[in-house]
């Protein structure tokens, strides 16, 4: 289940940000060119909100996720801006701080499981949040040629399904435009050992460096 640490101050009603929902491209995009541009986006920052639900338990928090070629800072805050969870990952170690405690491991997944009880495929998420399928993933496209849904085939992250909505055009460091999702739903189907898990991410802003 989602453990107590994520419920410390998380079940408060959050103030909704005033944002304009992206409408996506008016005409079909070139999928090959789109996926190449997305794959080249290795330094980015997203701001938004993430909602967790596992079985009958749930929580909603603000999200600030900054990634630099796999080294990243993943921070969750409440509506007052108080940091609830801060996960820093580099090529040497992962450090998670929550509720006054510090947890360390070589990989981020065990830390997330220790604190939340959820097995989250972090490496896969670094691609999935951009709308980029991994090798072996099964995916479908929207009528405009963007990734609409994908189903994971990797051993560690199996049973995850991802759906996308509200793609928006974001400027790259090369002054090109790439389409990135602003609404993502990740669902892990119920198994014998765990209930159905769902993560909903609403992205208010992408910044590419």
Protein backbone atom coordinates (compact mmCIF):
# COMPACT_ATOMS: atom_id res chain seq x y z
CA UNK A 1 0.00 0.00 0.00
CA UNK A 2 0.99 3.65 -0.22
CA UNK A 3 2.68 4.12 3.11
CA UNK A 4 2.12 6.73 5.77
CA UNK A 5 4.97 8.92 4.59
CA UNK A 6 3.06 9.94 1.47
CA UNK A 7 -0.02 10.84 3.48
CA UNK A 8 1.70 13.26 5.82
CA UNK A 9 0.03 16.45 4.62
CA UNK A 10 -0.79 15.11 1.16
CA UNK A 11 -4.52 14.67 1.49
CA UNK A 12 -5.11 18.40 1.74
CA UNK A 13 -7.04 19.98 -1.12
CA UNK A 14 -4.49 21.42 -3.50
CA UNK A 15 -4.86 24.75 -5.25
CA UNK A 16 -5.30 24.12 -8.95
CA UNK A 17 -2.92 25.99 -11.19
CA UNK A 18 -4.42 28.16 -13.90
CA UNK A 19 -3.09 26.67 -17.08
CA UNK A 20 -4.06 26.52 -20.71
CA UNK A 21 -4.51 22.96 -21.92
CA UNK A 22 -2.40 22.34 -25.06
CA UNK A 23 -4.45 21.33 -28.09
CA UNK A 24 -1.78 19.38 -29.93
CA UNK A 25 -0.83 19.55 -33.62
CA UNK A 26 -3.39 20.57 -36.23
CA UNK A 27 -2.02 18.09 -38.75
CA UNK A 28 -0.26 14.75 -38.57
CA UNK A 29 3.40 14.78 -37.56
CA UNK A 30 6.26 12.73 -38.94
CA UNK A 31 6.57 9.98 -36.33
CA UNK A 32 10.19 9.11 -37.14
CA UNK A 33 11.30 12.74 -36.82
CA UNK A 34 9.19 13.22 -33.67
CA UNK A 35 10.63 10.20 -31.87
CA UNK A 36 14.18 11.22 -32.81
CA UNK A 37 13.65 14.70 -31.37
CA UNK A 38 12.15 13.25 -28.20
CA UNK A 39 15.06 10.80 -27.83
CA UNK A 40 17.48 13.75 -28.08
CA UNK A 41 15.76 15.54 -25.18
CA UNK A 42 18.04 14.50 -22.31
CA UNK A 43 18.04 17.64 -20.17
CA UNK A 44 14.61 18.80 -19.07
CA UNK A 45 12.50 20.04 -16.21
CA UNK A 46 8.80 19.53 -15.68
CA UNK A 47 6.44 21.19 -13.23
CA UNK A 48 2.99 19.89 -12.50
CA UNK A 49 0.97 17.66 -10.25
CA UNK A 50 0.95 13.92 -9.65
CA UNK A 51 -1.85 11.82 -8.18
CA UNK A 52 -1.17 8.37 -6.72
CA UNK A 53 -3.75 5.66 -6.25
CA UNK A 54 -3.13 2.12 -5.07
CA UNK A 55 -6.14 0.04 -4.21
CA UNK A 56 -8.41 2.26 -2.08
CA UNK A 57 -5.65 4.66 -1.03
CA UNK A 58 -4.65 7.82 -2.86
CA UNK A 59 -2.80 11.12 -2.60
CA UNK A 60 -2.16 14.18 -4.75
CA UNK A 61 0.91 16.45 -4.63
CA UNK A 62 2.83 19.02 -6.62
CA UNK A 63 5.70 17.73 -8.75
CA UNK A 64 9.03 19.25 -9.80
CA UNK A 65 11.23 16.84 -11.77
CA UNK A 66 14.58 17.93 -13.19
CA UNK A 67 16.56 15.49 -15.33
CA UNK A 68 20.10 15.74 -16.71
CA UNK A 69 20.88 12.68 -18.84
CA UNK A 70 19.65 10.26 -16.18
CA UNK A 71 20.86 12.22 -13.13
CA UNK A 72 17.78 13.82 -11.65
CA UNK A 73 16.03 15.53 -8.76
CA UNK A 74 12.42 14.39 -8.22
CA UNK A 75 10.64 16.55 -5.65
CA UNK A 76 7.10 16.37 -4.25
CA UNK A 77 5.64 19.32 -2.33
CA UNK A 78 2.31 20.22 -0.76
CA UNK A 79 0.24 23.26 -1.71
CA UNK A 80 2.23 25.42 0.73
CA UNK A 81 5.46 24.54 -1.08
CA UNK A 82 6.78 22.36 1.74
CA UNK A 83 8.96 19.52 0.44
CA UNK A 84 7.52 16.12 1.33
CA UNK A 85 9.74 13.83 -0.71
CA UNK A 86 13.04 14.69 -2.42
CA UNK A 87 14.78 12.02 -4.48
CA UNK A 88 18.22 12.78 -5.94
CA UNK A 89 19.81 10.26 -8.32
CA UNK A 90 23.23 10.24 -10.00
CA UNK A 91 25.50 7.54 -11.40
CA UNK A 92 26.90 6.78 -7.94
CA UNK A 93 23.91 6.61 -5.63
CA UNK A 94 20.29 7.52 -4.94
CA UNK A 95 19.29 9.60 -1.90
CA UNK A 96 15.69 10.00 -0.79
CA UNK A 97 14.67 12.41 1.97
CA UNK A 98 11.20 12.27 3.48
CA UNK A 99 9.64 13.15 6.84
CA UNK A 100 13.04 14.02 8.33
CA UNK A 101 14.60 10.72 7.34
CA UNK A 102 17.29 10.03 4.73
CA UNK A 103 17.47 6.79 2.74
CA UNK A 104 20.34 5.74 0.46
CA UNK A 105 20.78 3.00 -2.13
CA UNK A 106 22.63 2.38 -5.38
CA UNK A 107 19.33 2.41 -7.30
CA UNK A 108 16.20 4.55 -6.80
CA UNK A 109 13.61 1.77 -7.12
CA UNK A 110 14.36 0.14 -3.71
CA UNK A 111 14.13 3.53 -1.99
CA UNK A 112 10.76 4.31 -3.55
CA UNK A 113 9.50 0.88 -2.54
CA UNK A 114 10.80 1.30 1.01
CA UNK A 115 9.01 4.63 1.47
CA UNK A 116 5.86 4.17 -0.63
CA UNK A 117 5.44 0.43 -1.07
CA UNK A 118 5.26 0.87 -4.84
CA UNK A 119 7.58 -0.63 -7.46
CA UNK A 120 8.16 2.17 -9.95
CA UNK A 121 10.32 1.57 -13.07
CA UNK A 122 12.27 4.82 -12.85
CA UNK A 123 14.57 4.22 -15.83
CA UNK A 124 11.60 3.49 -18.05
CA UNK A 125 9.72 6.53 -16.77
CA UNK A 126 12.50 8.84 -17.95
CA UNK A 127 11.50 7.88 -21.49
CA UNK A 128 7.79 7.30 -20.98
CA UNK A 129 7.09 10.77 -19.55
CA UNK A 130 8.34 12.24 -22.84
CA UNK A 131 6.06 10.02 -24.92
CA UNK A 132 8.97 7.85 -26.03
CA UNK A 133 8.38 4.07 -26.22
CA UNK A 134 11.22 1.75 -25.26
CA UNK A 135 12.45 -1.08 -27.47
CA UNK A 136 9.86 -3.85 -27.29
CA UNK A 137 7.03 -1.63 -26.02
CA UNK A 138 3.75 -2.04 -27.85
CA UNK A 139 2.18 1.30 -28.70
CA UNK A 140 -0.67 2.94 -30.58
CA UNK A 141 -0.83 6.35 -32.23
CA UNK A 142 -3.28 9.23 -32.21
CA UNK A 143 -4.85 10.41 -35.45
CA UNK A 144 -2.06 13.04 -35.56
CA UNK A 145 0.70 10.41 -35.39
CA UNK A 146 1.75 10.89 -31.75
CA UNK A 147 2.04 8.08 -29.21
CA UNK A 148 -1.40 7.51 -27.70
CA UNK A 149 -0.91 4.43 -25.51
CA UNK A 150 1.91 2.03 -24.79
CA UNK A 151 2.24 -1.28 -23.01
CA UNK A 152 5.51 -2.28 -21.42
CA UNK A 153 7.28 -5.47 -22.39
CA UNK A 154 10.43 -5.22 -20.24
CA UNK A 155 10.85 -7.79 -17.47
CA UNK A 156 11.22 -5.35 -14.58
CA UNK A 157 8.39 -2.99 -15.58
CA UNK A 158 5.89 -5.47 -17.00
CA UNK A 159 2.17 -4.92 -16.46
CA UNK A 160 2.51 -1.14 -16.86
CA UNK A 161 0.22 0.60 -19.32
CA UNK A 162 0.67 4.26 -20.27
CA UNK A 163 -1.78 6.63 -21.96
CA UNK A 164 -1.15 10.19 -23.15
CA UNK A 165 -3.20 13.32 -23.73
CA UNK A 166 -2.79 17.05 -24.37
CA UNK A 167 0.46 17.16 -26.33
CA UNK A 168 2.00 20.61 -26.53
CA UNK A 169 4.76 22.10 -28.68
CA UNK A 170 7.95 22.80 -26.69
CA UNK A 171 11.06 24.56 -27.99
CA UNK A 172 14.34 22.63 -27.86
CA UNK A 173 17.79 24.11 -27.24
CA UNK A 174 18.27 24.03 -31.03
CA UNK A 175 15.23 26.28 -31.48
CA UNK A 176 13.25 23.37 -32.95
CA UNK A 177 9.78 22.32 -31.84
CA UNK A 178 9.02 18.95 -30.27
CA UNK A 179 5.64 17.63 -29.13
CA UNK A 180 5.61 16.58 -25.46
CA UNK A 181 2.66 15.23 -23.44
CA UNK A 182 1.03 17.34 -20.72
CA UNK A 183 -1.21 14.60 -19.34
CA UNK A 184 0.01 11.06 -18.62
CA UNK A 185 -1.71 8.13 -16.92
CA UNK A 186 0.36 5.13 -15.86
CA UNK A 187 -1.48 2.02 -14.70
CA UNK A 188 -0.06 -1.18 -13.28
CA UNK A 189 -2.61 -3.96 -13.37
CA UNK A 190 -3.58 -5.84 -10.23
CA UNK A 191 -1.52 -8.94 -9.44
CA UNK A 192 -1.62 -11.62 -6.76
CA UNK A 193 0.86 -9.62 -4.67
CA UNK A 194 -0.34 -6.06 -5.16
CA UNK A 195 -3.51 -4.09 -5.98
CA UNK A 196 -3.96 -1.98 -9.07
CA UNK A 197 -1.67 1.07 -9.03
CA UNK A 198 -2.26 4.27 -10.97
CA UNK A 199 -0.21 7.43 -11.39
CA UNK A 200 -1.69 10.47 -13.09
CA UNK A 201 0.72 13.25 -14.05
CA UNK A 202 -0.49 16.70 -15.14
CA UNK A 203 2.36 18.76 -16.55
CA UNK A 204 1.95 22.54 -16.48
CA UNK A 205 5.37 23.40 -17.88
CA UNK A 206 8.22 21.72 -19.77
CA UNK A 207 11.63 23.43 -19.87
CA UNK A 208 14.33 21.97 -22.13
CA UNK A 209 18.00 22.77 -21.50
